[in-house]
Amino acid sequence: MAHDTIHYLVLHRRDPSCNMARYYILSIAPSLFGDATLIREWGRIGRPGQRRVELYENQSCAVEALETWLQRKRRRGYLLQGG
């Protein structure tokens, strides 16, 4: 993943047999202090979810963390949306 691009990924996991419809959003944004933040949002599609913001020293560290979370979620059955 290139480090100079905007990072905003939306993943979905659906299983109608289990009444499962989940989303997971990963995004990277600069903080006010010059470091980078990884923002993770998750929950049931159509409902308010949870959000966690993690601070990283620089954008490349945040990108590494994003890629790690992306791999974890894809192993659990989440699919990338719109791409």
PDB file of N, CA and C in Angstrom:
ATOM      1  N   MET A   1       0.841  -1.171   0.000  1.00  0.00           N
ATOM      2  CA  MET A   1       0.000   0.000   0.000  1.00  0.00           C
ATOM      3  C   MET A   1       0.890   1.239   0.000  1.00  0.00           C
ATOM      4  N   ALA A   2       0.634   2.185  -0.887  1.00  0.00           N
ATOM      5  CA  ALA A   2       1.445   3.392  -0.957  1.00  0.00           C
ATOM      6  C   ALA A   2       1.174   4.272   0.255  1.00  0.00           C
ATOM      7  N   HIS A   3       2.226   4.901   0.771  1.00  0.00           N
ATOM      8  CA  HIS A   3       2.089   5.695   1.985  1.00  0.00           C
ATOM      9  C   HIS A   3       1.584   7.105   1.719  1.00  0.00           C
ATOM     10  N   ASP A   4       1.471   7.537   0.465  1.00  0.00           N
ATOM     11  CA  ASP A   4       1.023   8.892   0.171  1.00  0.00           C
ATOM     12  C   ASP A   4      -0.429   8.934  -0.286  1.00  0.00           C
ATOM     13  N   THR A   5      -1.177   7.875  -0.098  1.00  0.00           N
ATOM     14  CA  THR A   5      -2.574   7.847  -0.506  1.00  0.00           C
ATOM     15  C   THR A   5      -3.475   8.010   0.707  1.00  0.00           C
ATOM     16  N   ILE A   6      -4.726   8.355   0.431  1.00  0.00           N
ATOM     17  CA  ILE A   6      -5.714   8.444   1.499  1.00  0.00           C
ATOM     18  C   ILE A   6      -6.185   7.038   1.812  1.00  0.00           C
ATOM     19  N   HIS A   7      -6.222   6.702   3.082  1.00  0.00           N
ATOM     20  CA  HIS A   7      -6.597   5.356   3.496  1.00  0.00           C
ATOM     21  C   HIS A   7      -7.968   5.396   4.151  1.00  0.00           C
ATOM     22  N   TYR A   8      -8.934   4.757   3.505  1.00  0.00           N
ATOM     23  CA  TYR A   8     -10.283   4.630   4.050  1.00  0.00           C
ATOM     24  C   TYR A   8     -10.856   3.344   3.477  1.00  0.00           C
ATOM     25  N   LEU A   9     -10.959   2.327   4.290  1.00  0.00           N
ATOM     26  CA  LEU A   9     -11.416   1.022   3.824  1.00  0.00           C
ATOM     27  C   LEU A   9     -12.691   0.631   4.556  1.00  0.00           C
ATOM     28  N   VAL A  10     -13.657   0.115   3.798  1.00  0.00           N
ATOM     29  CA  VAL A  10     -14.913  -0.362   4.370  1.00  0.00           C
ATOM     30  C   VAL A  10     -15.014  -1.853   4.083  1.00  0.00           C
ATOM     31  N   LEU A  11     -15.247  -2.626   5.127  1.00  0.00           N
ATOM     32  CA  LEU A  11     -15.397  -4.074   4.995  1.00  0.00           C
ATOM     33  C   LEU A  11     -16.765  -4.480   5.524  1.00  0.00           C
ATOM     34  N   HIS A  12     -17.335  -5.505   4.913  1.00  0.00           N
ATOM     35  CA  HIS A  12     -18.620  -6.051   5.357  1.00  0.00           C
ATOM     36  C   HIS A  12     -18.483  -7.543   5.565  1.00  0.00           C
ATOM     37  N   ARG A  13     -19.267  -8.048   6.499  1.00  0.00           N
ATOM     38  CA  ARG A  13     -19.375  -9.495   6.711  1.00  0.00           C
ATOM     39  C   ARG A  13     -20.857  -9.808   6.878  1.00  0.00           C
ATOM     40  N   ARG A  14     -21.387 -10.599   5.965  1.00  0.00           N
ATOM     41  CA  ARG A  14     -22.811 -10.941   5.986  1.00  0.00           C
ATOM     42  C   ARG A  14     -22.981 -12.452   5.964  1.00  0.00           C
ATOM     43  N   ASP A  15     -23.916 -12.907   6.786  1.00  0.00           N
ATOM     44  CA  ASP A  15     -24.302 -14.316   6.793  1.00  0.00           C
ATOM     45  C   ASP A  15     -25.773 -14.372   7.184  1.00  0.00           C
ATOM     46  N   PRO A  16     -26.668 -14.394   6.173  1.00  0.00           N
ATOM     47  CA  PRO A  16     -28.108 -14.386   6.471  1.00  0.00           C
ATOM     48  C   PRO A  16     -28.557 -15.557   7.337  1.00  0.00           C
ATOM     49  N   SER A  17     -27.896 -16.702   7.242  1.00  0.00           N
ATOM     50  CA  SER A  17     -28.311 -17.854   8.046  1.00  0.00           C
ATOM     51  C   SER A  17     -28.110 -17.610   9.547  1.00  0.00           C
ATOM     52  N   CYS A  18     -27.188 -16.713   9.888  1.00  0.00           N
ATOM     53  CA  CYS A  18     -26.935 -16.368  11.298  1.00  0.00           C
ATOM     54  C   CYS A  18     -27.469 -14.985  11.650  1.00  0.00           C
ATOM     55  N   ASN A  19     -28.190 -14.358  10.713  1.00  0.00           N
ATOM     56  CA  ASN A  19     -28.682 -12.988  10.900  1.00  0.00           C
ATOM     57  C   ASN A  19     -27.515 -12.033  11.198  1.00  0.00           C
ATOM     58  N   MET A  20     -26.404 -12.215  10.474  1.00  0.00           N
ATOM     59  CA  MET A  20     -25.211 -11.412  10.682  1.00  0.00           C
ATOM     60  C   MET A  20     -25.042 -10.411   9.544  1.00  0.00           C
ATOM     61  N   ALA A  21     -24.878  -9.154   9.904  1.00  0.00           N
ATOM     62  CA  ALA A  21     -24.593  -8.093   8.937  1.00  0.00           C
ATOM     63  C   ALA A  21     -23.718  -7.068   9.651  1.00  0.00           C
ATOM     64  N   ARG A  22     -22.415  -7.201   9.499  1.00  0.00           N
ATOM     65  CA  ARG A  22     -21.473  -6.354  10.226  1.00  0.00           C
ATOM     66  C   ARG A  22     -20.649  -5.504   9.271  1.00  0.00           C
ATOM     67  N   TYR A  23     -20.159  -4.392   9.805  1.00  0.00           N
ATOM     68  CA  TYR A  23     -19.236  -3.553   9.039  1.00  0.00           C
ATOM     69  C   TYR A  23     -18.004  -3.281   9.887  1.00  0.00           C
ATOM     70  N   TYR A  24     -16.926  -2.941   9.202  1.00  0.00           N
ATOM     71  CA  TYR A  24     -15.684  -2.568   9.860  1.00  0.00           C
ATOM     72  C   TYR A  24     -15.026  -1.527   8.971  1.00  0.00           C
ATOM     73  N   ILE A  25     -14.703  -0.374   9.522  1.00  0.00           N
ATOM     74  CA  ILE A  25     -14.084   0.715   8.761  1.00  0.00           C
ATOM     75  C   ILE A  25     -12.702   0.988   9.343  1.00  0.00           C
ATOM     76  N   LEU A  26     -11.717   1.077   8.467  1.00  0.00           N
ATOM     77  CA  LEU A  26     -10.353   1.422   8.847  1.00  0.00           C
ATOM     78  C   LEU A  26      -9.967   2.693   8.104  1.00  0.00           C
ATOM     79  N   SER A  27      -9.486   3.699   8.820  1.00  0.00           N
ATOM     80  CA  SER A  27      -9.049   4.921   8.149  1.00  0.00           C
ATOM     81  C   SER A  27      -7.853   5.519   8.887  1.00  0.00           C
ATOM     82  N   ILE A  28      -7.057   6.258   8.132  1.00  0.00           N
ATOM     83  CA  ILE A  28      -5.890   6.940   8.684  1.00  0.00           C
ATOM     84  C   ILE A  28      -6.070   8.428   8.457  1.00  0.00           C
ATOM     85  N   ALA A  29      -5.789   9.204   9.507  1.00  0.00           N
ATOM     86  CA  ALA A  29      -5.905  10.659   9.417  1.00  0.00           C
ATOM     87  C   ALA A  29      -4.773  11.280  10.231  1.00  0.00           C
ATOM     88  N   PRO A  30      -4.337  12.479   9.844  1.00  0.00           N
ATOM     89  CA  PRO A  30      -3.318  13.158  10.648  1.00  0.00           C
ATOM     90  C   PRO A  30      -3.936  13.679  11.945  1.00  0.00           C
ATOM     91  N   SER A  31      -3.128  13.745  12.988  1.00  0.00           N
ATOM     92  CA  SER A  31      -3.605  14.334  14.239  1.00  0.00           C
ATOM     93  C   SER A  31      -3.190  15.808  14.264  1.00  0.00           C
ATOM     94  N   LEU A  32      -3.640  16.516  15.262  1.00  0.00           N
ATOM     95  CA  LEU A  32      -3.290  17.934  15.380  1.00  0.00           C
ATOM     96  C   LEU A  32      -1.824  18.147  15.741  1.00  0.00           C
ATOM     97  N   PHE A  33      -1.163  17.107  16.198  1.00  0.00           N
ATOM     98  CA  PHE A  33       0.205  17.234  16.687  1.00  0.00           C
ATOM     99  C   PHE A  33       1.247  16.661  15.739  1.00  0.00           C
ATOM    100  N   GLY A  34       0.849  16.341  14.501  1.00  0.00           N
ATOM    101  CA  GLY A  34       1.801  15.891  13.501  1.00  0.00           C
ATOM    102  C   GLY A  34       1.990  14.395  13.401  1.00  0.00           C
ATOM    103  N   ASP A  35       1.414  13.641  14.332  1.00  0.00           N
ATOM    104  CA  ASP A  35       1.504  12.193  14.193  1.00  0.00           C
ATOM    105  C   ASP A  35       0.289  11.692  13.418  1.00  0.00           C
ATOM    106  N   ALA A  36       0.128  10.398  13.335  1.00  0.00           N
ATOM    107  CA  ALA A  36      -0.970   9.827  12.547  1.00  0.00           C
ATOM    108  C   ALA A  36      -1.904   9.051  13.466  1.00  0.00           C
ATOM    109  N   THR A  37      -3.159   8.968  13.055  1.00  0.00           N
ATOM    110  CA  THR A  37      -4.136   8.190  13.815  1.00  0.00           C
ATOM    111  C   THR A  37      -4.735   7.113  12.926  1.00  0.00           C
ATOM    112  N   LEU A  38      -4.947   5.955  13.519  1.00  0.00           N
ATOM    113  CA  LEU A  38      -5.707   4.889  12.877  1.00  0.00           C
ATOM    114  C   LEU A  38      -7.063   4.889  13.558  1.00  0.00           C
ATOM    115  N   ILE A  39      -8.114   5.065  12.769  1.00  0.00           N
ATOM    116  CA  ILE A  39      -9.472   5.095  13.297  1.00  0.00           C
ATOM    117  C   ILE A  39     -10.158   3.810  12.873  1.00  0.00           C
ATOM    118  N   ARG A  40     -10.660   3.078  13.863  1.00  0.00           N
ATOM    119  CA  ARG A  40     -11.374   1.830  13.597  1.00  0.00           C
ATOM    120  C   ARG A  40     -12.809   1.990  14.069  1.00  0.00           C
ATOM    121  N   GLU A  41     -13.751   1.674  13.182  1.00  0.00           N
ATOM    122  CA  GLU A  41     -15.172   1.732  13.521  1.00  0.00           C
ATOM    123  C   GLU A  41     -15.797   0.396  13.153  1.00  0.00           C
ATOM    124  N   TRP A  42     -16.704  -0.103  14.009  1.00  0.00           N
ATOM    125  CA  TRP A  42     -17.322  -1.394  13.729  1.00  0.00           C
ATOM    126  C   TRP A  42     -18.691  -1.475  14.380  1.00  0.00           C
ATOM    127  N   GLY A  43     -19.502  -2.378  13.828  1.00  0.00           N
ATOM    128  CA  GLY A  43     -20.828  -2.607  14.389  1.00  0.00           C
ATOM    129  C   GLY A  43     -21.719  -3.332  13.401  1.00  0.00           C
ATOM    130  N   ARG A  44     -23.012  -3.331  13.704  1.00  0.00           N
ATOM    131  CA  ARG A  44     -24.005  -3.956  12.844  1.00  0.00           C
ATOM    132  C   ARG A  44     -24.417  -2.947  11.777  1.00  0.00           C
ATOM    133  N   ILE A  45     -24.534  -3.392  10.542  1.00  0.00           N
ATOM    134  CA  ILE A  45     -24.920  -2.510   9.442  1.00  0.00           C
ATOM    135  C   ILE A  45     -26.281  -1.896   9.761  1.00  0.00           C
ATOM    136  N   GLY A  46     -26.373  -0.581   9.613  1.00  0.00           N
ATOM    137  CA  GLY A  46     -27.614   0.135   9.872  1.00  0.00           C
ATOM    138  C   GLY A  46     -27.781   0.610  11.306  1.00  0.00           C
ATOM    139  N   ARG A  47     -26.827   0.306  12.166  1.00  0.00           N
ATOM    140  CA  ARG A  47     -26.901   0.696  13.576  1.00  0.00           C
ATOM    141  C   ARG A  47     -25.639   1.470  13.944  1.00  0.00           C
ATOM    142  N   PRO A  48     -25.729   2.330  14.961  1.00  0.00           N
ATOM    143  CA  PRO A  48     -24.509   2.997  15.433  1.00  0.00           C
ATOM    144  C   PRO A  48     -23.539   1.963  15.996  1.00  0.00           C
ATOM    145  N   GLY A  49     -22.274   2.185  15.764  1.00  0.00           N
ATOM    146  CA  GLY A  49     -21.278   1.222  16.218  1.00  0.00           C
ATOM    147  C   GLY A  49     -20.323   1.822  17.226  1.00  0.00           C
ATOM    148  N   GLN A  50     -19.196   1.185  17.348  1.00  0.00           N
ATOM    149  CA  GLN A  50     -18.151   1.634  18.255  1.00  0.00           C
ATOM    150  C   GLN A  50     -17.016   2.236  17.444  1.00  0.00           C
ATOM    151  N   ARG A  51     -16.192   3.025  18.134  1.00  0.00           N
ATOM    152  CA  ARG A  51     -15.081   3.681  17.457  1.00  0.00           C
ATOM    153  C   ARG A  51     -13.881   3.710  18.390  1.00  0.00           C
ATOM    154  N   ARG A  52     -12.716   3.433  17.816  1.00  0.00           N
ATOM    155  CA  ARG A  52     -11.480   3.516  18.582  1.00  0.00           C
ATOM    156  C   ARG A  52     -10.451   4.269  17.745  1.00  0.00           C
ATOM    157  N   VAL A  53      -9.764   5.217  18.375  1.00  0.00           N
ATOM    158  CA  VAL A  53      -8.727   6.005  17.713  1.00  0.00           C
ATOM    159  C   VAL A  53      -7.392   5.654  18.364  1.00  0.00           C
ATOM    160  N   GLU A  54      -6.430   5.258  17.534  1.00  0.00           N
ATOM    161  CA  GLU A  54      -5.103   4.881  18.023  1.00  0.00           C
ATOM    162  C   GLU A  54      -4.071   5.833  17.430  1.00  0.00           C
ATOM    163  N   LEU A  55      -3.168   6.339  18.260  1.00  0.00           N
ATOM    164  CA  LEU A  55      -2.128   7.265  17.812  1.00  0.00           C
ATOM    165  C   LEU A  55      -0.861   6.511  17.433  1.00  0.00           C
ATOM    166  N   TYR A  56      -0.213   6.970  16.349  1.00  0.00           N
ATOM    167  CA  TYR A  56       1.051   6.392  15.890  1.00  0.00           C
ATOM    168  C   TYR A  56       2.039   7.515  15.624  1.00  0.00           C
ATOM    169  N   GLU A  57       3.309   7.195  15.746  1.00  0.00           N
ATOM    170  CA  GLU A  57       4.377   8.178  15.598  1.00  0.00           C
ATOM    171  C   GLU A  57       4.386   8.831  14.215  1.00  0.00           C
ATOM    172  N   ASN A  58       4.109   8.037  13.178  1.00  0.00           N
ATOM    173  CA  ASN A  58       4.100   8.574  11.821  1.00  0.00           C
ATOM    174  C   ASN A  58       3.115   7.776  10.967  1.00  0.00           C
ATOM    175  N   GLN A  59       2.937   8.219   9.738  1.00  0.00           N
ATOM    176  CA  GLN A  59       1.950   7.584   8.869  1.00  0.00           C
ATOM    177  C   GLN A  59       2.344   6.155   8.495  1.00  0.00           C
ATOM    178  N   SER A  60       3.612   5.888   8.308  1.00  0.00           N
ATOM    179  CA  SER A  60       3.995   4.528   7.919  1.00  0.00           C
ATOM    180  C   SER A  60       3.696   3.523   9.034  1.00  0.00           C
ATOM    181  N   CYS A  61       3.829   3.916  10.290  1.00  0.00           N
ATOM    182  CA  CYS A  61       3.454   3.021  11.399  1.00  0.00           C
ATOM    183  C   CYS A  61       1.947   2.791  11.407  1.00  0.00           C
ATOM    184  N   ALA A  62       1.184   3.840  11.125  1.00  0.00           N
ATOM    185  CA  ALA A  62      -0.277   3.705  11.073  1.00  0.00           C
ATOM    186  C   ALA A  62      -0.695   2.807   9.913  1.00  0.00           C
ATOM    187  N   VAL A  63      -0.013   2.918   8.779  1.00  0.00           N
ATOM    188  CA  VAL A  63      -0.322   2.070   7.621  1.00  0.00           C
ATOM    189  C   VAL A  63      -0.029   0.605   7.951  1.00  0.00           C
ATOM    190  N   GLU A  64       1.067   0.342   8.643  1.00  0.00           N
ATOM    191  CA  GLU A  64       1.376  -1.039   9.048  1.00  0.00           C
ATOM    192  C   GLU A  64       0.272  -1.603   9.937  1.00  0.00           C
ATOM    193  N   ALA A  65      -0.201  -0.799  10.878  1.00  0.00           N
ATOM    194  CA  ALA A  65      -1.282  -1.249  11.764  1.00  0.00           C
ATOM    195  C   ALA A  65      -2.564  -1.479  10.973  1.00  0.00           C
ATOM    196  N   LEU A  66      -2.863  -0.593  10.020  1.00  0.00           N
ATOM    197  CA  LEU A  66      -4.050  -0.763   9.177  1.00  0.00           C
ATOM    198  C   LEU A  66      -3.962  -2.077   8.405  1.00  0.00           C
ATOM    199  N   GLU A  67      -2.809  -2.353   7.831  1.00  0.00           N
ATOM    200  CA  GLU A  67      -2.645  -3.592   7.062  1.00  0.00           C
ATOM    201  C   GLU A  67      -2.799  -4.824   7.952  1.00  0.00           C
ATOM    202  N   THR A  68      -2.319  -4.745   9.187  1.00  0.00           N
ATOM    203  CA  THR A  68      -2.479  -5.858  10.130  1.00  0.00           C
ATOM    204  C   THR A  68      -3.951  -6.093  10.438  1.00  0.00           C
ATOM    205  N   TRP A  69      -4.696  -5.012  10.727  1.00  0.00           N
ATOM    206  CA  TRP A  69      -6.134  -5.151  10.997  1.00  0.00           C
ATOM    207  C   TRP A  69      -6.876  -5.658   9.773  1.00  0.00           C
ATOM    208  N   LEU A  70      -6.494  -5.189   8.591  1.00  0.00           N
ATOM    209  CA  LEU A  70      -7.140  -5.646   7.361  1.00  0.00           C
ATOM    210  C   LEU A  70      -6.955  -7.156   7.194  1.00  0.00           C
ATOM    211  N   GLN A  71      -5.754  -7.645   7.411  1.00  0.00           N
ATOM    212  CA  GLN A  71      -5.506  -9.091   7.311  1.00  0.00           C
ATOM    213  C   GLN A  71      -6.338  -9.867   8.322  1.00  0.00           C
ATOM    214  N   ARG A  72      -6.407  -9.382   9.559  1.00  0.00           N
ATOM    215  CA  ARG A  72      -7.207 -10.062  10.593  1.00  0.00           C
ATOM    216  C   ARG A  72      -8.667 -10.162  10.187  1.00  0.00           C
ATOM    217  N   LYS A  73      -9.207  -9.058   9.714  1.00  0.00           N
ATOM    218  CA  LYS A  73     -10.631  -9.028   9.371  1.00  0.00           C
ATOM    219  C   LYS A  73     -10.926  -9.884   8.142  1.00  0.00           C
ATOM    220  N   ARG A  74     -10.037  -9.888   7.168  1.00  0.00           N
ATOM    221  CA  ARG A  74     -10.259 -10.728   5.979  1.00  0.00           C
ATOM    222  C   ARG A  74     -10.196 -12.211   6.340  1.00  0.00           C
ATOM    223  N   ARG A  75      -9.325 -12.576   7.262  1.00  0.00           N
ATOM    224  CA  ARG A  75      -9.284 -13.972   7.731  1.00  0.00           C
ATOM    225  C   ARG A  75     -10.589 -14.365   8.420  1.00  0.00           C
ATOM    226  N   ARG A  76     -11.269 -13.400   9.031  1.00  0.00           N
ATOM    227  CA  ARG A  76     -12.532 -13.679   9.727  1.00  0.00           C
ATOM    228  C   ARG A  76     -13.738 -13.620   8.799  1.00  0.00           C
ATOM    229  N   GLY A  77     -13.507 -13.364   7.506  1.00  0.00           N
ATOM    230  CA  GLY A  77     -14.604 -13.404   6.545  1.00  0.00           C
ATOM    231  C   GLY A  77     -15.116 -12.060   6.081  1.00  0.00           C
ATOM    232  N   TYR A  78     -14.491 -10.967   6.489  1.00  0.00           N
ATOM    233  CA  TYR A  78     -14.905  -9.640   6.026  1.00  0.00           C
ATOM    234  C   TYR A  78     -14.418  -9.438   4.593  1.00  0.00           C
ATOM    235  N   LEU A  79     -15.242  -8.800   3.781  1.00  0.00           N
ATOM    236  CA  LEU A  79     -14.914  -8.521   2.383  1.00  0.00           C
ATOM    237  C   LEU A  79     -14.820  -7.023   2.169  1.00  0.00           C
ATOM    238  N   LEU A  80     -13.817  -6.607   1.393  1.00  0.00           N
ATOM    239  CA  LEU A  80     -13.626  -5.207   1.059  1.00  0.00           C
ATOM    240  C   LEU A  80     -14.762  -4.735   0.164  1.00  0.00           C
ATOM    241  N   GLN A  81     -15.327  -3.578   0.453  1.00  0.00           N
ATOM    242  CA  GLN A  81     -16.447  -3.045  -0.319  1.00  0.00           C
ATOM    243  C   GLN A  81     -15.967  -2.004  -1.324  1.00  0.00           C
ATOM    244  N   GLY A  82     -16.592  -1.990  -2.484  1.00  0.00           N
ATOM    245  CA  GLY A  82     -16.350  -0.948  -3.476  1.00  0.00           C
ATOM    246  C   GLY A  82     -14.971  -0.960  -4.092  1.00  0.00           C
ATOM    247  N   GLY A  83     -14.331  -2.062  -4.164  1.00  0.00           N
ATOM    248  CA  GLY A  83     -13.020  -2.015  -4.758  1.00  0.00           C
ATOM    249  C   GLY A  83     -12.537  -3.338  -5.144  1.00  0.00           C
TER     250      GLY A  83
END
